[in-house]
Amino acid sequence: MNRLSTAEIQRSALLVMDYQPGILGFLPNPATLFTKIMPVQQLTRSRGAKVGFVRVAFDAADLERFPGHSAMGARVKAAGAHMHLDSPSTAVHPDLDVAPGDIIVRKTRVGAFSTTDLHAQLQRAGIETLVLAGVHTSGVVLSTVREAHDLDYRVIVLSDACADPDAKVNEFLLREIFPRQATVVTTAEFCEAISS
């Protein structure tokens, strides 16, 4: 990955998506993700980039909006209180470094954009590049790569800060699908590209 200029970094946002206890619990070893994403958070902030957090959670009104035929609605309703917006399982993971001024959005679908004001917040901040980390790769990361590409963002995916319960699907998406619409790099490669 080519080195980013200071101006490019300052027009970038790191989005940490669905790093929530209830989502991370589907992974065999989620602790490794934190060793990768924490240095990226610290460095991006120090270089003037935005940091944002996306979480999925629902209230009673959200559940009512699901049509009866919705497969997602059925899964969410079956999860009960586990997916409620006030549940600890839907909170941004407490080990993440959330700071004043960070972007935080709550979504009620898979992708980060369709049910949030994320795009408006990013546009107000002058963001042109999105750096994505997320769980699951086949869920929020896949949907957000597609949405961000359609919204004309430059998209960077941090391969070792994304994970999926299906390791083969994770690898296939990172190797074969995402490079069509995004730059896929490791956290170390990204940190090198934005280091002063």
N, C-alpha and C. Protein backbone atom coordinates (compact mmCIF):
# COMPACT_ATOMS: atom_id res chain seq x y z
N MET A 1 0.84 -1.19 0.00
CA MET A 1 0.00 0.00 0.00
C MET A 1 0.87 1.24 0.00
N ASN A 2 0.53 2.21 -0.84
CA ASN A 2 1.29 3.45 -0.90
C ASN A 2 1.08 4.28 0.37
N ARG A 3 2.08 5.06 0.71
CA ARG A 3 1.98 5.94 1.87
C ARG A 3 0.90 7.00 1.62
N LEU A 4 0.10 7.28 2.64
CA LEU A 4 -0.93 8.31 2.53
C LEU A 4 -0.37 9.65 3.00
N SER A 5 -0.73 10.70 2.29
CA SER A 5 -0.32 12.04 2.70
C SER A 5 -1.08 12.46 3.95
N THR A 6 -0.58 13.50 4.61
CA THR A 6 -1.27 14.01 5.79
C THR A 6 -2.69 14.43 5.45
N ALA A 7 -2.89 15.06 4.32
CA ALA A 7 -4.23 15.49 3.91
C ALA A 7 -5.15 14.29 3.68
N GLU A 8 -4.62 13.23 3.08
CA GLU A 8 -5.43 12.02 2.85
C GLU A 8 -5.80 11.36 4.17
N ILE A 9 -4.86 11.34 5.10
CA ILE A 9 -5.14 10.75 6.41
C ILE A 9 -6.23 11.54 7.13
N GLN A 10 -6.15 12.84 7.06
CA GLN A 10 -7.13 13.69 7.75
C GLN A 10 -8.50 13.65 7.10
N ARG A 11 -8.60 13.09 5.91
CA ARG A 11 -9.89 12.88 5.26
C ARG A 11 -10.29 11.41 5.29
N SER A 12 -9.74 10.69 6.28
CA SER A 12 -10.01 9.26 6.44
C SER A 12 -10.72 8.99 7.76
N ALA A 13 -11.44 7.88 7.78
CA ALA A 13 -12.10 7.44 9.02
C ALA A 13 -11.94 5.94 9.16
N LEU A 14 -11.49 5.52 10.34
CA LEU A 14 -11.45 4.11 10.70
C LEU A 14 -12.81 3.75 11.27
N LEU A 15 -13.47 2.76 10.69
CA LEU A 15 -14.75 2.27 11.21
C LEU A 15 -14.56 0.89 11.81
N VAL A 16 -14.81 0.77 13.10
CA VAL A 16 -14.74 -0.50 13.81
C VAL A 16 -16.18 -0.98 13.96
N MET A 17 -16.51 -2.07 13.27
CA MET A 17 -17.91 -2.45 13.09
C MET A 17 -18.26 -3.78 13.77
N ASP A 18 -19.32 -3.72 14.58
CA ASP A 18 -19.89 -4.89 15.24
C ASP A 18 -18.90 -5.58 16.18
N TYR A 19 -17.94 -4.84 16.70
CA TYR A 19 -17.08 -5.35 17.77
C TYR A 19 -17.89 -5.26 19.06
N GLN A 20 -18.82 -6.17 19.21
CA GLN A 20 -19.75 -6.22 20.34
C GLN A 20 -19.64 -7.59 21.00
N PRO A 21 -19.81 -7.69 22.31
CA PRO A 21 -19.69 -8.98 22.98
C PRO A 21 -20.56 -10.07 22.34
N GLY A 22 -21.79 -9.74 21.99
CA GLY A 22 -22.68 -10.75 21.43
C GLY A 22 -22.29 -11.24 20.05
N ILE A 23 -21.62 -10.40 19.27
CA ILE A 23 -21.17 -10.78 17.93
C ILE A 23 -19.82 -11.48 18.01
N LEU A 24 -18.93 -10.93 18.81
CA LEU A 24 -17.60 -11.53 18.96
C LEU A 24 -17.67 -12.93 19.56
N GLY A 25 -18.75 -13.20 20.30
CA GLY A 25 -18.91 -14.51 20.93
C GLY A 25 -19.03 -15.66 19.95
N PHE A 26 -19.28 -15.38 18.67
CA PHE A 26 -19.37 -16.43 17.66
C PHE A 26 -17.99 -16.86 17.16
N LEU A 27 -16.95 -16.13 17.55
CA LEU A 27 -15.60 -16.41 17.06
C LEU A 27 -14.83 -17.29 18.05
N PRO A 28 -13.92 -18.14 17.56
CA PRO A 28 -13.17 -19.00 18.47
C PRO A 28 -12.16 -18.26 19.32
N ASN A 29 -11.56 -17.17 18.79
CA ASN A 29 -10.53 -16.45 19.55
C ASN A 29 -10.59 -14.96 19.23
N PRO A 30 -11.61 -14.27 19.73
CA PRO A 30 -11.75 -12.85 19.38
C PRO A 30 -10.69 -11.94 19.97
N ALA A 31 -9.98 -12.39 20.99
CA ALA A 31 -8.98 -11.53 21.64
C ALA A 31 -7.90 -11.08 20.67
N THR A 32 -7.60 -11.90 19.66
CA THR A 32 -6.55 -11.53 18.70
C THR A 32 -6.93 -10.28 17.91
N LEU A 33 -8.22 -10.05 17.72
CA LEU A 33 -8.65 -8.85 16.99
C LEU A 33 -8.26 -7.58 17.73
N PHE A 34 -8.34 -7.60 19.04
CA PHE A 34 -8.03 -6.40 19.82
C PHE A 34 -6.55 -6.05 19.75
N THR A 35 -5.69 -7.06 19.68
CA THR A 35 -4.26 -6.77 19.56
C THR A 35 -3.94 -6.13 18.22
N LYS A 36 -4.79 -6.34 17.23
CA LYS A 36 -4.59 -5.74 15.90
C LYS A 36 -5.20 -4.35 15.82
N ILE A 37 -6.42 -4.18 16.33
CA ILE A 37 -7.14 -2.92 16.10
C ILE A 37 -6.72 -1.81 17.05
N MET A 38 -6.31 -2.13 18.26
CA MET A 38 -5.97 -1.07 19.22
C MET A 38 -4.84 -0.16 18.73
N PRO A 39 -3.71 -0.70 18.23
CA PRO A 39 -2.67 0.20 17.72
C PRO A 39 -3.13 1.05 16.54
N VAL A 40 -4.03 0.49 15.72
CA VAL A 40 -4.55 1.25 14.57
C VAL A 40 -5.38 2.42 15.07
N GLN A 41 -6.24 2.17 16.06
CA GLN A 41 -7.04 3.26 16.64
C GLN A 41 -6.15 4.39 17.14
N GLN A 42 -5.15 4.03 17.90
CA GLN A 42 -4.28 5.04 18.50
C GLN A 42 -3.53 5.83 17.44
N LEU A 43 -3.00 5.14 16.43
CA LEU A 43 -2.23 5.82 15.40
C LEU A 43 -3.12 6.69 14.52
N THR A 44 -4.30 6.20 14.14
CA THR A 44 -5.16 7.00 13.27
C THR A 44 -5.57 8.29 13.98
N ARG A 45 -5.89 8.20 15.26
CA ARG A 45 -6.24 9.42 16.01
C ARG A 45 -5.06 10.39 16.06
N SER A 46 -3.89 9.86 16.33
CA SER A 46 -2.71 10.73 16.47
C SER A 46 -2.35 11.41 15.15
N ARG A 47 -2.77 10.83 14.04
CA ARG A 47 -2.46 11.39 12.72
C ARG A 47 -3.60 12.26 12.19
N GLY A 48 -4.66 12.42 12.98
CA GLY A 48 -5.73 13.33 12.60
C GLY A 48 -6.91 12.71 11.86
N ALA A 49 -6.95 11.39 11.79
CA ALA A 49 -8.09 10.71 11.17
C ALA A 49 -9.22 10.54 12.19
N LYS A 50 -10.44 10.35 11.69
CA LYS A 50 -11.59 10.09 12.55
C LYS A 50 -11.63 8.60 12.90
N VAL A 51 -12.24 8.30 14.02
CA VAL A 51 -12.51 6.92 14.41
C VAL A 51 -14.00 6.80 14.65
N GLY A 52 -14.59 5.74 14.15
CA GLY A 52 -16.02 5.53 14.33
C GLY A 52 -16.32 4.10 14.74
N PHE A 53 -17.46 3.94 15.39
CA PHE A 53 -17.90 2.63 15.85
C PHE A 53 -19.33 2.39 15.36
N VAL A 54 -19.54 1.21 14.82
CA VAL A 54 -20.85 0.81 14.33
C VAL A 54 -21.29 -0.39 15.14
N ARG A 55 -22.52 -0.32 15.67
CA ARG A 55 -23.03 -1.46 16.41
C ARG A 55 -24.43 -1.79 15.91
N VAL A 56 -24.83 -3.04 16.09
CA VAL A 56 -26.17 -3.47 15.71
C VAL A 56 -26.96 -3.76 16.98
N ALA A 57 -28.17 -3.18 17.07
CA ALA A 57 -29.02 -3.35 18.25
C ALA A 57 -30.41 -2.88 17.90
N PHE A 58 -31.40 -3.32 18.66
CA PHE A 58 -32.80 -3.09 18.31
C PHE A 58 -33.63 -2.69 19.52
N ASP A 59 -34.63 -1.83 19.28
CA ASP A 59 -35.65 -1.57 20.29
C ASP A 59 -36.97 -2.15 19.80
N ALA A 60 -38.03 -2.00 20.57
CA ALA A 60 -39.32 -2.60 20.23
C ALA A 60 -39.84 -2.07 18.89
N ALA A 61 -39.67 -0.78 18.64
CA ALA A 61 -40.15 -0.20 17.38
C ALA A 61 -39.40 -0.78 16.19
N ASP A 62 -38.10 -1.03 16.35
CA ASP A 62 -37.32 -1.64 15.27
C ASP A 62 -37.88 -3.02 14.93
N LEU A 63 -38.21 -3.79 15.95
CA LEU A 63 -38.74 -5.13 15.73
C LEU A 63 -40.07 -5.09 14.99
N GLU A 64 -40.88 -4.10 15.31
CA GLU A 64 -42.18 -3.98 14.65
C GLU A 64 -42.04 -3.64 13.16
N ARG A 65 -40.97 -2.99 12.80
CA ARG A 65 -40.77 -2.60 11.40
C ARG A 65 -40.38 -3.75 10.49
N PHE A 66 -39.94 -4.86 11.07
CA PHE A 66 -39.62 -6.02 10.23
C PHE A 66 -40.90 -6.61 9.65
N PRO A 67 -40.97 -6.80 8.34
CA PRO A 67 -42.14 -7.48 7.78
C PRO A 67 -42.15 -8.95 8.21
N GLY A 68 -43.31 -9.54 8.19
CA GLY A 68 -43.45 -10.91 8.66
C GLY A 68 -42.59 -11.91 7.91
N HIS A 69 -42.26 -11.63 6.65
CA HIS A 69 -41.47 -12.57 5.85
C HIS A 69 -39.96 -12.38 6.00
N SER A 70 -39.51 -11.42 6.81
CA SER A 70 -38.09 -11.10 6.92
C SER A 70 -37.32 -12.17 7.67
N ALA A 71 -36.32 -12.77 7.01
CA ALA A 71 -35.47 -13.76 7.66
C ALA A 71 -34.64 -13.11 8.76
N MET A 72 -34.17 -11.89 8.51
CA MET A 72 -33.39 -11.20 9.54
C MET A 72 -34.27 -10.88 10.75
N GLY A 73 -35.48 -10.42 10.47
CA GLY A 73 -36.42 -10.13 11.55
C GLY A 73 -36.67 -11.35 12.43
N ALA A 74 -36.82 -12.50 11.80
CA ALA A 74 -37.06 -13.73 12.56
C ALA A 74 -35.87 -14.06 13.46
N ARG A 75 -34.64 -13.90 12.93
CA ARG A 75 -33.45 -14.19 13.73
C ARG A 75 -33.32 -13.22 14.91
N VAL A 76 -33.57 -11.94 14.64
CA VAL A 76 -33.43 -10.94 15.70
C VAL A 76 -34.48 -11.17 16.79
N LYS A 77 -35.71 -11.43 16.38
CA LYS A 77 -36.77 -11.66 17.36
C LYS A 77 -36.49 -12.91 18.19
N ALA A 78 -35.91 -13.94 17.55
CA ALA A 78 -35.59 -15.16 18.29
C ALA A 78 -34.49 -14.92 19.32
N ALA A 79 -33.62 -13.95 19.05
CA ALA A 79 -32.53 -13.63 19.99
C ALA A 79 -33.04 -12.94 21.25
N GLY A 80 -34.24 -12.36 21.18
CA GLY A 80 -34.84 -11.74 22.34
C GLY A 80 -34.03 -10.59 22.91
N ALA A 81 -33.93 -10.54 24.23
CA ALA A 81 -33.25 -9.44 24.92
C ALA A 81 -31.77 -9.36 24.58
N HIS A 82 -31.20 -10.43 24.08
CA HIS A 82 -29.78 -10.48 23.73
C HIS A 82 -29.41 -9.41 22.69
N MET A 83 -30.36 -9.02 21.83
CA MET A 83 -30.08 -8.03 20.78
C MET A 83 -30.71 -6.68 21.08
N HIS A 84 -31.26 -6.50 22.28
CA HIS A 84 -31.87 -5.21 22.63
C HIS A 84 -30.80 -4.14 22.76
N LEU A 85 -31.15 -2.92 22.43
CA LEU A 85 -30.16 -1.84 22.40
C LEU A 85 -29.55 -1.55 23.76
N ASP A 86 -30.22 -1.93 24.85
CA ASP A 86 -29.67 -1.71 26.19
C ASP A 86 -28.91 -2.91 26.75
N SER A 87 -28.84 -3.99 25.98
CA SER A 87 -28.15 -5.18 26.46
C SER A 87 -26.63 -5.00 26.39
N PRO A 88 -25.90 -5.47 27.39
CA PRO A 88 -24.44 -5.42 27.32
C PRO A 88 -23.88 -6.14 26.10
N SER A 89 -24.63 -7.11 25.59
CA SER A 89 -24.14 -7.88 24.44
C SER A 89 -24.14 -7.05 23.15
N THR A 90 -24.88 -5.93 23.11
CA THR A 90 -24.91 -5.11 21.90
C THR A 90 -24.08 -3.83 22.03
N ALA A 91 -23.46 -3.62 23.18
CA ALA A 91 -22.64 -2.41 23.38
C ALA A 91 -21.33 -2.51 22.61
N VAL A 92 -20.76 -1.37 22.26
CA VAL A 92 -19.39 -1.38 21.75
C VAL A 92 -18.52 -2.03 22.82
N HIS A 93 -17.68 -2.97 22.41
CA HIS A 93 -16.91 -3.75 23.38
C HIS A 93 -16.15 -2.83 24.32
N PRO A 94 -16.20 -3.09 25.64
CA PRO A 94 -15.57 -2.19 26.61
C PRO A 94 -14.05 -2.09 26.47
N ASP A 95 -13.41 -3.04 25.81
CA ASP A 95 -11.96 -2.99 25.64
C ASP A 95 -11.53 -2.03 24.53
N LEU A 96 -12.49 -1.56 23.73
CA LEU A 96 -12.15 -0.62 22.67
C LEU A 96 -11.98 0.78 23.23
N ASP A 97 -11.15 1.54 22.58
CA ASP A 97 -10.82 2.89 23.02
C ASP A 97 -11.77 3.90 22.38
N VAL A 98 -12.92 4.12 23.02
CA VAL A 98 -13.89 5.10 22.52
C VAL A 98 -13.57 6.44 23.15
N ALA A 99 -13.42 7.47 22.31
CA ALA A 99 -13.01 8.78 22.80
C ALA A 99 -14.06 9.83 22.44
N PRO A 100 -14.10 10.95 23.17
CA PRO A 100 -15.00 12.04 22.79
C PRO A 100 -14.73 12.49 21.36
N GLY A 101 -15.81 12.73 20.63
CA GLY A 101 -15.67 13.14 19.23
C GLY A 101 -15.69 12.00 18.24
N ASP A 102 -15.63 10.75 18.73
CA ASP A 102 -15.74 9.62 17.82
C ASP A 102 -17.16 9.52 17.27
N ILE A 103 -17.27 8.96 16.09
CA ILE A 103 -18.57 8.68 15.49
C ILE A 103 -19.08 7.36 16.06
N ILE A 104 -20.33 7.35 16.51
CA ILE A 104 -20.95 6.11 16.98
C ILE A 104 -22.35 6.03 16.38
N VAL A 105 -22.62 4.95 15.66
CA VAL A 105 -23.96 4.78 15.09
C VAL A 105 -24.50 3.40 15.46
N ARG A 106 -25.82 3.35 15.59
CA ARG A 106 -26.52 2.09 15.83
C ARG A 106 -27.31 1.75 14.59
N LYS A 107 -27.12 0.54 14.09
CA LYS A 107 -27.81 0.11 12.87
C LYS A 107 -28.81 -0.99 13.19
N THR A 108 -29.75 -1.16 12.27
CA THR A 108 -30.75 -2.21 12.44
C THR A 108 -30.81 -3.14 11.22
N ARG A 109 -29.78 -3.06 10.40
CA ARG A 109 -29.61 -3.99 9.29
C ARG A 109 -28.13 -4.37 9.25
N VAL A 110 -27.73 -5.11 8.24
CA VAL A 110 -26.37 -5.67 8.22
C VAL A 110 -25.32 -4.60 7.93
N GLY A 111 -25.53 -3.81 6.87
CA GLY A 111 -24.55 -2.80 6.48
C GLY A 111 -24.56 -1.60 7.39
N ALA A 112 -23.48 -0.83 7.35
CA ALA A 112 -23.32 0.32 8.25
C ALA A 112 -24.10 1.56 7.82
N PHE A 113 -24.58 1.61 6.58
CA PHE A 113 -25.15 2.84 6.06
C PHE A 113 -26.68 2.91 6.02
N SER A 114 -27.35 1.85 5.64
CA SER A 114 -28.75 1.97 5.21
C SER A 114 -29.71 2.41 6.31
N THR A 115 -29.42 2.13 7.56
CA THR A 115 -30.35 2.51 8.63
C THR A 115 -29.71 3.47 9.63
N THR A 116 -28.67 4.19 9.19
CA THR A 116 -27.97 5.13 10.07
C THR A 116 -27.75 6.45 9.33
N ASP A 117 -27.26 7.44 10.08
CA ASP A 117 -26.87 8.71 9.46
C ASP A 117 -25.35 8.76 9.25
N LEU A 118 -24.74 7.59 9.14
CA LEU A 118 -23.28 7.52 9.00
C LEU A 118 -22.77 8.32 7.81
N HIS A 119 -23.40 8.16 6.66
CA HIS A 119 -22.93 8.87 5.46
C HIS A 119 -22.97 10.38 5.69
N ALA A 120 -24.04 10.87 6.28
CA ALA A 120 -24.15 12.32 6.54
C ALA A 120 -23.05 12.78 7.50
N GLN A 121 -22.79 12.00 8.54
CA GLN A 121 -21.72 12.38 9.48
C GLN A 121 -20.36 12.39 8.80
N LEU A 122 -20.10 11.41 7.98
CA LEU A 122 -18.83 11.34 7.27
C LEU A 122 -18.68 12.49 6.29
N GLN A 123 -19.76 12.82 5.60
CA GLN A 123 -19.71 13.93 4.65
C GLN A 123 -19.45 15.25 5.36
N ARG A 124 -20.10 15.46 6.50
CA ARG A 124 -19.86 16.69 7.26
C ARG A 124 -18.42 16.80 7.72
N ALA A 125 -17.79 15.67 7.98
CA ALA A 125 -16.40 15.65 8.44
C ALA A 125 -15.40 15.68 7.28
N GLY A 126 -15.90 15.68 6.05
CA GLY A 126 -15.01 15.73 4.89
C GLY A 126 -14.28 14.43 4.61
N ILE A 127 -14.87 13.32 5.02
CA ILE A 127 -14.22 12.02 4.87
C ILE A 127 -14.35 11.50 3.44
N GLU A 128 -13.22 11.04 2.90
CA GLU A 128 -13.19 10.47 1.55
C GLU A 128 -12.76 9.00 1.56
N THR A 129 -12.02 8.60 2.60
CA THR A 129 -11.49 7.24 2.68
C THR A 129 -12.01 6.56 3.93
N LEU A 130 -12.51 5.34 3.76
CA LEU A 130 -12.96 4.53 4.89
C LEU A 130 -12.04 3.35 5.08
N VAL A 131 -11.63 3.14 6.31
CA VAL A 131 -10.78 2.02 6.69
C VAL A 131 -11.64 1.11 7.56
N LEU A 132 -11.87 -0.10 7.09
CA LEU A 132 -12.87 -0.97 7.71
C LEU A 132 -12.26 -2.12 8.48
N ALA A 133 -12.77 -2.31 9.70
CA ALA A 133 -12.48 -3.49 10.52
C ALA A 133 -13.83 -3.98 11.02
N GLY A 134 -14.07 -5.29 10.98
CA GLY A 134 -15.40 -5.71 11.41
C GLY A 134 -15.58 -7.19 11.59
N VAL A 135 -16.66 -7.51 12.27
CA VAL A 135 -17.08 -8.87 12.55
C VAL A 135 -18.59 -8.92 12.28
N HIS A 136 -19.04 -9.71 11.42
CA HIS A 136 -18.42 -10.76 10.65
C HIS A 136 -18.05 -10.26 9.26
N THR A 137 -17.01 -10.88 8.69
CA THR A 137 -16.56 -10.48 7.37
C THR A 137 -17.66 -10.70 6.33
N SER A 138 -18.42 -11.78 6.48
CA SER A 138 -19.49 -12.09 5.52
C SER A 138 -20.76 -11.28 5.78
N GLY A 139 -20.78 -10.50 6.85
CA GLY A 139 -21.94 -9.69 7.20
C GLY A 139 -21.65 -8.22 7.02
N VAL A 140 -21.33 -7.54 8.13
CA VAL A 140 -21.17 -6.09 8.10
C VAL A 140 -20.04 -5.64 7.17
N VAL A 141 -18.95 -6.39 7.12
CA VAL A 141 -17.83 -5.95 6.28
C VAL A 141 -18.22 -6.04 4.80
N LEU A 142 -18.76 -7.17 4.38
CA LEU A 142 -19.17 -7.33 2.99
C LEU A 142 -20.19 -6.27 2.58
N SER A 143 -21.22 -6.10 3.38
CA SER A 143 -22.27 -5.12 3.05
C SER A 143 -21.71 -3.70 3.02
N THR A 144 -20.84 -3.37 3.95
CA THR A 144 -20.32 -2.01 4.03
C THR A 144 -19.31 -1.72 2.93
N VAL A 145 -18.51 -2.69 2.55
CA VAL A 145 -17.63 -2.50 1.39
C VAL A 145 -18.47 -2.13 0.17
N ARG A 146 -19.52 -2.88 -0.07
CA ARG A 146 -20.39 -2.62 -1.24
C ARG A 146 -21.04 -1.24 -1.15
N GLU A 147 -21.60 -0.93 0.02
CA GLU A 147 -22.27 0.36 0.18
C GLU A 147 -21.29 1.52 0.05
N ALA A 148 -20.14 1.40 0.70
CA ALA A 148 -19.15 2.48 0.66
C ALA A 148 -18.65 2.71 -0.75
N HIS A 149 -18.43 1.63 -1.48
CA HIS A 149 -18.00 1.74 -2.88
C HIS A 149 -19.06 2.47 -3.69
N ASP A 150 -20.32 2.12 -3.50
CA ASP A 150 -21.41 2.77 -4.24
C ASP A 150 -21.56 4.24 -3.86
N LEU A 151 -21.11 4.60 -2.66
CA LEU A 151 -21.17 6.00 -2.22
C LEU A 151 -19.89 6.77 -2.55
N ASP A 152 -19.02 6.14 -3.33
CA ASP A 152 -17.80 6.77 -3.85
C ASP A 152 -16.72 7.04 -2.81
N TYR A 153 -16.70 6.28 -1.73
CA TYR A 153 -15.58 6.35 -0.81
C TYR A 153 -14.43 5.51 -1.36
N ARG A 154 -13.22 5.91 -1.02
CA ARG A 154 -12.07 5.03 -1.19
C ARG A 154 -12.16 4.06 -0.03
N VAL A 155 -12.05 2.76 -0.27
CA VAL A 155 -12.26 1.75 0.77
C VAL A 155 -10.99 0.96 1.00
N ILE A 156 -10.61 0.86 2.27
CA ILE A 156 -9.48 0.03 2.69
C ILE A 156 -10.01 -0.95 3.72
N VAL A 157 -9.71 -2.23 3.54
CA VAL A 157 -10.13 -3.26 4.48
C VAL A 157 -8.90 -3.78 5.21
N LEU A 158 -8.96 -3.79 6.53
CA LEU A 158 -7.88 -4.32 7.37
C LEU A 158 -8.10 -5.82 7.56
N SER A 159 -7.36 -6.61 6.82
CA SER A 159 -7.65 -8.04 6.74
C SER A 159 -7.56 -8.75 8.09
N ASP A 160 -6.59 -8.41 8.91
CA ASP A 160 -6.42 -9.11 10.18
C ASP A 160 -7.20 -8.46 11.32
N ALA A 161 -8.02 -7.46 11.00
CA ALA A 161 -8.95 -6.89 11.98
C ALA A 161 -10.39 -7.21 11.59
N CYS A 162 -10.53 -8.16 10.66
CA CYS A 162 -11.84 -8.70 10.27
C CYS A 162 -11.84 -10.19 10.58
N ALA A 163 -13.00 -10.70 10.94
CA ALA A 163 -13.09 -12.12 11.25
C ALA A 163 -14.50 -12.61 10.98
N ASP A 164 -14.59 -13.92 10.79
CA ASP A 164 -15.87 -14.56 10.49
C ASP A 164 -15.86 -15.96 11.12
N PRO A 165 -17.01 -16.44 11.56
CA PRO A 165 -17.03 -17.80 12.11
C PRO A 165 -16.57 -18.86 11.10
N ASP A 166 -16.74 -18.56 9.81
CA ASP A 166 -16.32 -19.48 8.76
C ASP A 166 -14.99 -18.98 8.19
N ALA A 167 -13.90 -19.62 8.57
CA ALA A 167 -12.57 -19.17 8.16
C ALA A 167 -12.39 -19.21 6.65
N LYS A 168 -13.00 -20.18 5.99
CA LYS A 168 -12.86 -20.27 4.53
C LYS A 168 -13.57 -19.12 3.83
N VAL A 169 -14.75 -18.76 4.32
CA VAL A 169 -15.47 -17.63 3.77
C VAL A 169 -14.70 -16.34 4.00
N ASN A 170 -14.15 -16.19 5.19
CA ASN A 170 -13.34 -15.02 5.52
C ASN A 170 -12.19 -14.86 4.53
N GLU A 171 -11.46 -15.93 4.33
CA GLU A 171 -10.31 -15.90 3.42
C GLU A 171 -10.73 -15.61 1.99
N PHE A 172 -11.82 -16.24 1.54
CA PHE A 172 -12.28 -16.04 0.16
C PHE A 172 -12.68 -14.59 -0.09
N LEU A 173 -13.42 -14.01 0.84
CA LEU A 173 -13.85 -12.62 0.68
C LEU A 173 -12.65 -11.68 0.63
N LEU A 174 -11.71 -11.88 1.54
CA LEU A 174 -10.54 -11.00 1.60
C LEU A 174 -9.65 -11.16 0.38
N ARG A 175 -9.56 -12.36 -0.14
CA ARG A 175 -8.65 -12.62 -1.26
C ARG A 175 -9.30 -12.38 -2.62
N GLU A 176 -10.57 -12.78 -2.78
CA GLU A 176 -11.18 -12.78 -4.11
C GLU A 176 -12.22 -11.69 -4.35
N ILE A 177 -12.96 -11.31 -3.34
CA ILE A 177 -14.10 -10.41 -3.55
C ILE A 177 -13.75 -8.96 -3.22
N PHE A 178 -13.25 -8.70 -2.04
CA PHE A 178 -13.00 -7.31 -1.63
C PHE A 178 -12.01 -6.57 -2.52
N PRO A 179 -10.96 -7.21 -3.04
CA PRO A 179 -10.02 -6.45 -3.87
C PRO A 179 -10.64 -5.85 -5.14
N ARG A 180 -11.83 -6.27 -5.50
CA ARG A 180 -12.50 -5.67 -6.65
C ARG A 180 -13.01 -4.27 -6.35
N GLN A 181 -13.24 -3.97 -5.07
CA GLN A 181 -13.80 -2.67 -4.69
C GLN A 181 -13.04 -1.99 -3.55
N ALA A 182 -12.00 -2.62 -3.07
CA ALA A 182 -11.28 -2.07 -1.92
C ALA A 182 -9.81 -2.48 -1.99
N THR A 183 -9.00 -1.77 -1.24
CA THR A 183 -7.62 -2.16 -1.02
C THR A 183 -7.59 -2.98 0.26
N VAL A 184 -7.06 -4.19 0.18
CA VAL A 184 -7.01 -5.08 1.34
C VAL A 184 -5.58 -5.14 1.84
N VAL A 185 -5.38 -4.74 3.09
CA VAL A 185 -4.04 -4.71 3.69
C VAL A 185 -4.12 -5.21 5.13
N THR A 186 -2.98 -5.54 5.69
CA THR A 186 -2.93 -5.89 7.10
C THR A 186 -2.89 -4.61 7.93
N THR A 187 -3.13 -4.75 9.22
CA THR A 187 -3.05 -3.58 10.10
C THR A 187 -1.63 -3.01 10.10
N ALA A 188 -0.63 -3.87 10.06
CA ALA A 188 0.76 -3.41 10.04
C ALA A 188 1.05 -2.61 8.78
N GLU A 189 0.56 -3.09 7.64
CA GLU A 189 0.76 -2.37 6.38
C GLU A 189 0.08 -1.02 6.39
N PHE A 190 -1.12 -0.97 6.96
CA PHE A 190 -1.84 0.30 7.04
C PHE A 190 -1.11 1.27 7.96
N CYS A 191 -0.68 0.79 9.10
CA CYS A 191 0.04 1.69 10.03
C CYS A 191 1.31 2.23 9.39
N GLU A 192 1.99 1.41 8.62
CA GLU A 192 3.19 1.86 7.92
C GLU A 192 2.83 2.97 6.92
N ALA A 193 1.69 2.82 6.25
CA ALA A 193 1.28 3.78 5.22
C ALA A 193 0.88 5.14 5.80
N ILE A 194 0.50 5.17 7.09
CA ILE A 194 0.09 6.46 7.66
C ILE A 194 1.09 6.97 8.69
N SER A 195 2.18 6.25 8.90
CA SER A 195 3.18 6.70 9.87
C SER A 195 3.90 7.93 9.32
N SER A 196 4.28 8.84 10.22
CA SER A 196 4.97 10.06 9.79
C SER A 196 6.44 9.79 9.51
